[in-house]
Every structure is written in C-alpha cells, then in structure tokens.
Amino acid sequence: MLLKAFLVSLVAAYGRLEQGWMGQQMIARPIWLCPLVGLLLGDLQQGIIIGGSLELIWAGVVQVGATPTEVVTGSTVACGLAIINNLSVAEAITIAIPVGLLATLIGTINNTITIAVWSPMTNKAVDHGNTKAIWWLGLAGCATQALMYGIAVFLAVSAGSAAVQAIIDGIPQVIRDGLSNASMILPAVGIGILMQFSFDKKFVGFFLVGFLLPTYMGFGSVATALTGVAIALIYFFLKPNEVEDD
C-alpha cells in the first residue's frame, strides 16, 4: 500500500514541477496525470477514463495565479484511491473535487515559504549579479513546491484508502445515487464554462456534429474523435485563405 501511495505521490510531484522547471507544457492536467497513475498502479484503462472525465470538468481551469481548485492533487489522489479501492468513475469525481479545493491551502503555504525564504535570497543574488545562485534558487523553490504536494498526496493516498472506503460505505444509497448523477452533469458544466469564453458561432456546426454522431448515430468515443480529426483536416486544407480575402 505504501509503495502505491509513493508512486502516486511521484506523479503529483512531477505534475507540480511543470511550470517551474519546464514551462507551461500542459502536463499538469488530469488527462495526462491520471493515465500515469493508472499505468503505475496496473490499471491504465481506468486511469485514462478517470483522467478524461476530470479533464472535462476542469478543462477551463488553468494553473496561473490564484485558481479555485488544485487540479494536480485532486486528480492524482482521486485516481489513485479509485484504482486501489476499485471505485467507480463517479465516486472518483466526488473525491477529486473536495480534495482539489482543500489542496489550494498547500499553494498558500508554499507561497508563504517562497516569500519568506526564497525571494529574499534571490533578491540578494540579483543585487550581487550572481546568476548561478539565481538559477539554483529558482530550481530549489520549484523543488520545494513539488515536495510539499508529493508529501500531501502520499499521506492522503496511504492513510485515506480505508477511510475513504468507510466513508463511501457509510453514505446512504440514495445520496450515493445523487452524487453519481451529479458527477455525470459536471462534465457538461465544465464544457459549458469553457464555451463561455471560447465559443464562436462560426464553429457551431462542429459542435453539432460532435453531439449528433454519438447521440443519434451510435458512434463511440474513438470513432467520434477520428471523425473530428478528419473534419479538422478537411477544414484546414480547404478553407479559404482569410488573408487573401481581406
């Protein structure tokens, strides 16, 4: 059990290193981290399913500045506990959301440490023109953040599996059914929030095709995705050159 918790914590730490060490590579996302958790825990398929479901919910959450939820911790803890305890995708989602909200406190603590420790040392290095120290202090600050999140995820997964299972077993079935139904609505809510600032009426046809294919023609997710790729290629190569039109 401790080994599994440690593996999940490594994925969480890896996700938190992204912005500090590698720039915004979009690896701190459920759709990437959850399959890694599933691969390490021996259930890649479930990791992909949970990651895709959580990505739909958190598609509009970008880890820049203050965010309403901490995607990395919520994703890795929920996916790890779900696979270890054989929980459903709906139950994984109900775990991920509150965990993500609570994990924002870790960010606050990390920012406090940065302001109190790393920032003064970096300012002193800047005053002396010590570029090597600036480099290493930047790496140290990011490593501290990754370590904090990794420890939090390790403790949550190692100590939380039995507790989470007991809590879930103690929830009345009617409430569990309600949570399950709510988890099915949340992806639609996530897409709706994303569409509020990214939707363009020019592309409504693509939206309708994506809805109609699985709903009325029975296309599976892979077939729908491949159809989307084909339509995107057709659009890319056949659309008029907007520069020439202008």
Protein backbone atom coordinates (compact mmCIF):
# COMPACT_ATOMS: atom_id res chain seq x y z
CA MET A 1 0.00 0.00 0.00
CA LEU A 2 2.79 2.42 0.90
CA LEU A 3 4.55 1.66 -2.37
CA LYS A 4 1.40 2.52 -4.34
CA ALA A 5 0.98 5.75 -2.38
CA PHE A 6 4.61 6.62 -3.07
CA LEU A 7 4.16 6.04 -6.81
CA VAL A 8 1.09 8.28 -6.89
CA SER A 9 2.99 10.97 -4.97
CA LEU A 10 5.76 10.86 -7.58
CA VAL A 11 3.22 11.60 -10.31
CA ALA A 12 1.87 14.53 -8.29
CA ALA A 13 5.36 15.93 -7.71
CA TYR A 14 6.13 15.55 -11.41
CA GLY A 15 2.97 17.49 -12.26
CA ARG A 16 3.92 20.33 -9.92
CA LEU A 17 7.42 20.61 -11.41
CA GLU A 18 5.97 21.50 -14.79
CA GLN A 19 5.66 25.26 -14.66
CA GLY A 20 8.80 25.87 -12.64
CA TRP A 21 11.27 23.64 -14.45
CA MET A 22 9.76 23.06 -17.89
CA GLY A 23 7.40 25.95 -18.55
CA GLN A 24 3.73 25.55 -19.37
CA GLN A 25 3.77 22.16 -21.09
CA MET A 26 0.19 21.26 -20.04
CA ILE A 27 1.36 18.10 -18.27
CA ALA A 28 -0.28 19.21 -15.01
CA ARG A 29 -3.64 18.05 -16.35
CA PRO A 30 -5.88 15.13 -15.35
CA ILE A 31 -5.90 13.76 -18.89
CA TRP A 32 -2.12 13.23 -18.61
CA LEU A 33 -1.54 12.59 -14.92
CA CYS A 34 -4.33 10.07 -14.33
CA PRO A 35 -3.16 7.69 -17.07
CA LEU A 36 0.31 7.83 -15.48
CA VAL A 37 -1.22 6.91 -12.13
CA GLY A 38 -3.18 4.11 -13.79
CA LEU A 39 -0.05 2.84 -15.53
CA LEU A 40 1.93 2.72 -12.28
CA LEU A 41 -0.94 1.06 -10.39
CA GLY A 42 -1.61 -1.52 -13.09
CA ASP A 43 -4.90 -0.17 -14.49
CA LEU A 44 -4.10 2.12 -17.39
CA GLN A 45 -7.61 1.91 -18.85
CA GLN A 46 -9.27 3.15 -15.67
CA GLY A 47 -6.67 5.90 -15.37
CA ILE A 48 -7.48 7.10 -18.89
CA ILE A 49 -11.23 7.05 -18.19
CA ILE A 50 -10.92 8.95 -14.90
CA GLY A 51 -8.45 11.42 -16.43
CA GLY A 52 -10.75 12.14 -19.34
CA SER A 53 -13.75 12.62 -17.05
CA LEU A 54 -11.87 15.01 -14.76
CA GLU A 55 -10.42 16.92 -17.72
CA LEU A 56 -13.94 17.65 -18.93
CA ILE A 57 -14.77 19.14 -15.53
CA TRP A 58 -11.56 21.13 -15.14
CA ALA A 59 -11.00 22.00 -18.81
CA GLY A 60 -11.34 25.71 -18.07
CA VAL A 61 -9.03 25.71 -15.04
CA VAL A 62 -5.54 26.91 -15.94
CA GLN A 63 -2.88 26.88 -13.21
CA VAL A 64 -1.96 30.56 -13.47
CA GLY A 65 -2.19 32.81 -10.43
CA ALA A 66 -4.99 32.14 -7.95
CA THR A 67 -7.17 29.22 -9.04
CA PRO A 68 -10.36 27.88 -7.43
CA THR A 69 -9.05 24.31 -7.27
CA GLU A 70 -5.74 22.44 -7.34
CA VAL A 71 -6.02 20.11 -10.31
CA VAL A 72 -2.86 18.03 -9.78
CA THR A 73 -3.63 16.92 -6.22
CA GLY A 74 -7.33 16.37 -6.86
CA SER A 75 -6.62 14.26 -9.93
CA THR A 76 -3.84 12.08 -8.56
CA VAL A 77 -5.45 11.43 -5.18
CA ALA A 78 -8.85 10.62 -6.68
CA CYS A 79 -7.42 8.40 -9.40
CA GLY A 80 -5.09 6.60 -7.00
CA LEU A 81 -7.80 5.93 -4.41
CA ALA A 82 -10.30 4.89 -7.08
CA ILE A 83 -7.97 2.32 -8.62
CA ILE A 84 -6.70 0.97 -5.29
CA ASN A 85 -10.22 0.63 -3.86
CA ASN A 86 -11.99 -0.36 -7.10
CA LEU A 87 -14.22 2.69 -7.01
CA SER A 88 -16.33 3.87 -9.92
CA VAL A 89 -15.53 6.88 -12.07
CA ALA A 90 -18.43 8.74 -10.47
CA GLU A 91 -17.00 8.09 -6.99
CA ALA A 92 -13.56 9.21 -8.16
CA ILE A 93 -15.05 12.52 -9.32
CA THR A 94 -16.77 13.06 -5.98
CA ILE A 95 -13.37 12.58 -4.29
CA ALA A 96 -11.42 14.79 -6.70
CA ILE A 97 -13.46 17.96 -6.30
CA PRO A 98 -13.23 18.44 -2.50
CA VAL A 99 -9.61 17.25 -2.46
CA GLY A 100 -8.74 19.79 -5.13
CA LEU A 101 -10.40 22.55 -3.14
CA LEU A 102 -8.58 21.61 0.08
CA ALA A 103 -5.24 21.35 -1.73
CA THR A 104 -5.32 25.04 -2.59
CA LEU A 105 -4.17 25.55 1.02
CA ILE A 106 -0.87 23.89 0.09
CA GLY A 107 -0.36 26.57 -2.53
CA THR A 108 -0.90 29.27 0.09
CA ILE A 109 1.69 27.66 2.38
CA ASN A 110 4.13 27.29 -0.49
CA ASN A 111 3.72 30.96 -1.44
CA THR A 112 4.41 31.94 2.17
CA ILE A 113 7.64 29.91 2.15
CA THR A 114 8.64 31.45 -1.16
CA ILE A 115 8.10 34.99 0.12
CA ALA A 116 9.84 34.33 3.43
CA VAL A 117 12.79 32.22 2.23
CA TRP A 118 13.45 32.03 -1.48
CA SER A 119 12.54 35.58 -2.56
CA PRO A 120 14.95 37.40 -0.17
CA MET A 121 17.78 35.05 -1.15
CA THR A 122 17.01 35.57 -4.83
CA ASN A 123 16.92 39.36 -4.40
CA LYS A 124 20.31 39.26 -2.71
CA ALA A 125 21.69 37.14 -5.57
CA VAL A 126 20.31 39.66 -8.07
CA ASP A 127 21.96 42.53 -6.22
CA HIS A 128 25.31 40.73 -6.47
CA GLY A 129 24.76 39.66 -10.07
CA ASN A 130 25.13 36.01 -9.10
CA THR A 131 23.34 34.31 -11.99
CA LYS A 132 24.30 30.83 -10.86
CA ALA A 133 22.66 31.39 -7.48
CA ILE A 134 19.55 32.79 -9.16
CA TRP A 135 19.33 29.63 -11.27
CA TRP A 136 19.70 27.25 -8.34
CA LEU A 137 17.31 29.19 -6.11
CA GLY A 138 14.67 29.01 -8.83
CA LEU A 139 15.10 25.25 -9.02
CA ALA A 140 15.01 24.99 -5.22
CA GLY A 141 11.74 26.89 -4.98
CA CYS A 142 10.11 24.62 -7.54
CA ALA A 143 11.50 21.52 -5.83
CA THR A 144 10.03 22.69 -2.52
CA GLN A 145 6.63 23.04 -4.13
CA ALA A 146 6.83 19.58 -5.71
CA LEU A 147 7.95 18.05 -2.40
CA MET A 148 5.05 19.61 -0.49
CA TYR A 149 2.44 18.36 -2.93
CA GLY A 150 4.11 14.97 -3.16
CA ILE A 151 4.04 14.53 0.62
CA ALA A 152 0.41 15.64 0.82
CA VAL A 153 -0.64 13.17 -1.88
CA PHE A 154 1.37 10.36 -0.26
CA LEU A 155 -0.33 10.93 3.10
CA ALA A 156 -3.78 11.20 1.51
CA VAL A 157 -3.46 8.01 -0.51
CA SER A 158 -1.70 5.90 2.14
CA ALA A 159 -3.97 6.92 5.01
CA GLY A 160 -7.07 7.70 3.02
CA SER A 161 -7.89 4.49 1.20
CA ALA A 162 -9.53 2.69 4.10
CA ALA A 163 -11.05 5.92 5.40
CA VAL A 164 -12.48 6.85 2.02
CA GLN A 165 -13.92 3.37 1.56
CA ALA A 166 -15.51 3.52 5.03
CA ILE A 167 -16.99 6.93 4.32
CA ILE A 168 -18.39 5.79 0.98
CA ASP A 169 -19.84 2.63 2.50
CA GLY A 170 -21.48 4.73 5.21
CA ILE A 171 -23.20 7.07 2.76
CA PRO A 172 -26.86 6.12 2.19
CA GLN A 173 -27.52 4.68 -1.24
CA VAL A 174 -29.89 7.50 -2.20
CA ILE A 175 -27.12 10.05 -1.59
CA ARG A 176 -24.59 7.95 -3.49
CA ASP A 177 -27.00 7.81 -6.41
CA GLY A 178 -27.36 11.59 -6.24
CA LEU A 179 -23.61 12.08 -6.25
CA SER A 180 -23.32 9.69 -9.17
CA ASN A 181 -25.91 11.64 -11.14
CA ALA A 182 -24.23 14.93 -10.24
CA SER A 183 -20.88 13.60 -11.46
CA MET A 184 -22.47 12.92 -14.85
CA ILE A 185 -23.67 16.52 -15.04
CA LEU A 186 -20.34 18.09 -14.03
CA PRO A 187 -18.54 17.36 -17.34
CA ALA A 188 -21.31 19.21 -19.17
CA VAL A 189 -20.95 22.09 -16.73
CA GLY A 190 -17.20 22.14 -17.34
CA ILE A 191 -17.67 22.25 -21.10
CA GLY A 192 -20.31 24.97 -20.69
CA ILE A 193 -17.93 27.13 -18.65
CA LEU A 194 -15.18 26.63 -21.24
CA MET A 195 -17.54 27.52 -24.08
CA GLN A 196 -18.49 30.78 -22.39
CA PHE A 197 -15.17 32.33 -23.35
CA SER A 198 -14.11 30.16 -26.30
CA PHE A 199 -17.30 29.53 -28.30
CA ASP A 200 -17.66 31.11 -31.73
CA LYS A 201 -20.83 30.88 -33.81
CA LYS A 202 -18.68 30.12 -36.86
CA PHE A 203 -17.90 26.72 -35.35
CA VAL A 204 -21.38 25.73 -34.16
CA GLY A 205 -21.53 23.15 -36.96
CA PHE A 206 -18.57 21.28 -35.48
CA PHE A 207 -20.26 21.31 -32.09
CA LEU A 208 -23.46 19.86 -33.55
CA VAL A 209 -21.57 17.12 -35.40
CA GLY A 210 -19.80 16.14 -32.17
CA PHE A 211 -23.16 15.92 -30.42
CA LEU A 212 -25.13 14.17 -33.16
CA LEU A 213 -22.63 11.43 -34.03
CA PRO A 214 -22.64 9.62 -30.65
CA THR A 215 -26.21 10.57 -29.71
CA TYR A 216 -28.12 9.58 -32.83
CA MET A 217 -25.68 7.54 -34.92
CA GLY A 218 -24.16 5.42 -32.17
CA PHE A 219 -20.55 6.45 -32.72
CA GLY A 220 -18.16 5.51 -29.93
CA SER A 221 -15.64 7.94 -28.44
CA VAL A 222 -12.78 6.72 -30.68
CA ALA A 223 -14.90 6.89 -33.84
CA THR A 224 -16.13 10.36 -32.91
CA ALA A 225 -12.59 11.55 -32.21
CA LEU A 226 -11.30 10.20 -35.53
CA THR A 227 -14.20 11.83 -37.34
CA GLY A 228 -13.26 15.09 -35.64
CA VAL A 229 -9.68 14.72 -36.86
CA ALA A 230 -10.91 14.09 -40.41
CA ILE A 231 -13.19 17.14 -40.33
CA ALA A 232 -10.39 19.28 -38.89
CA LEU A 233 -8.06 18.23 -41.72
CA ILE A 234 -10.72 19.00 -44.32
CA TYR A 235 -11.34 22.39 -42.75
CA PHE A 236 -7.63 23.20 -42.52
CA PHE A 237 -6.77 22.32 -46.11
CA LEU A 238 -9.93 23.53 -47.86
CA LYS A 239 -10.89 26.71 -46.00
CA PRO A 240 -10.29 29.97 -47.95
CA ASN A 241 -7.21 31.98 -47.12
CA GLU A 242 -8.54 34.72 -44.82
CA VAL A 243 -5.54 36.94 -45.55
CA GLU A 244 -6.27 36.89 -49.27
CA ASP A 245 -9.96 37.59 -48.62
CA ASP A 246 -9.02 40.70 -46.67
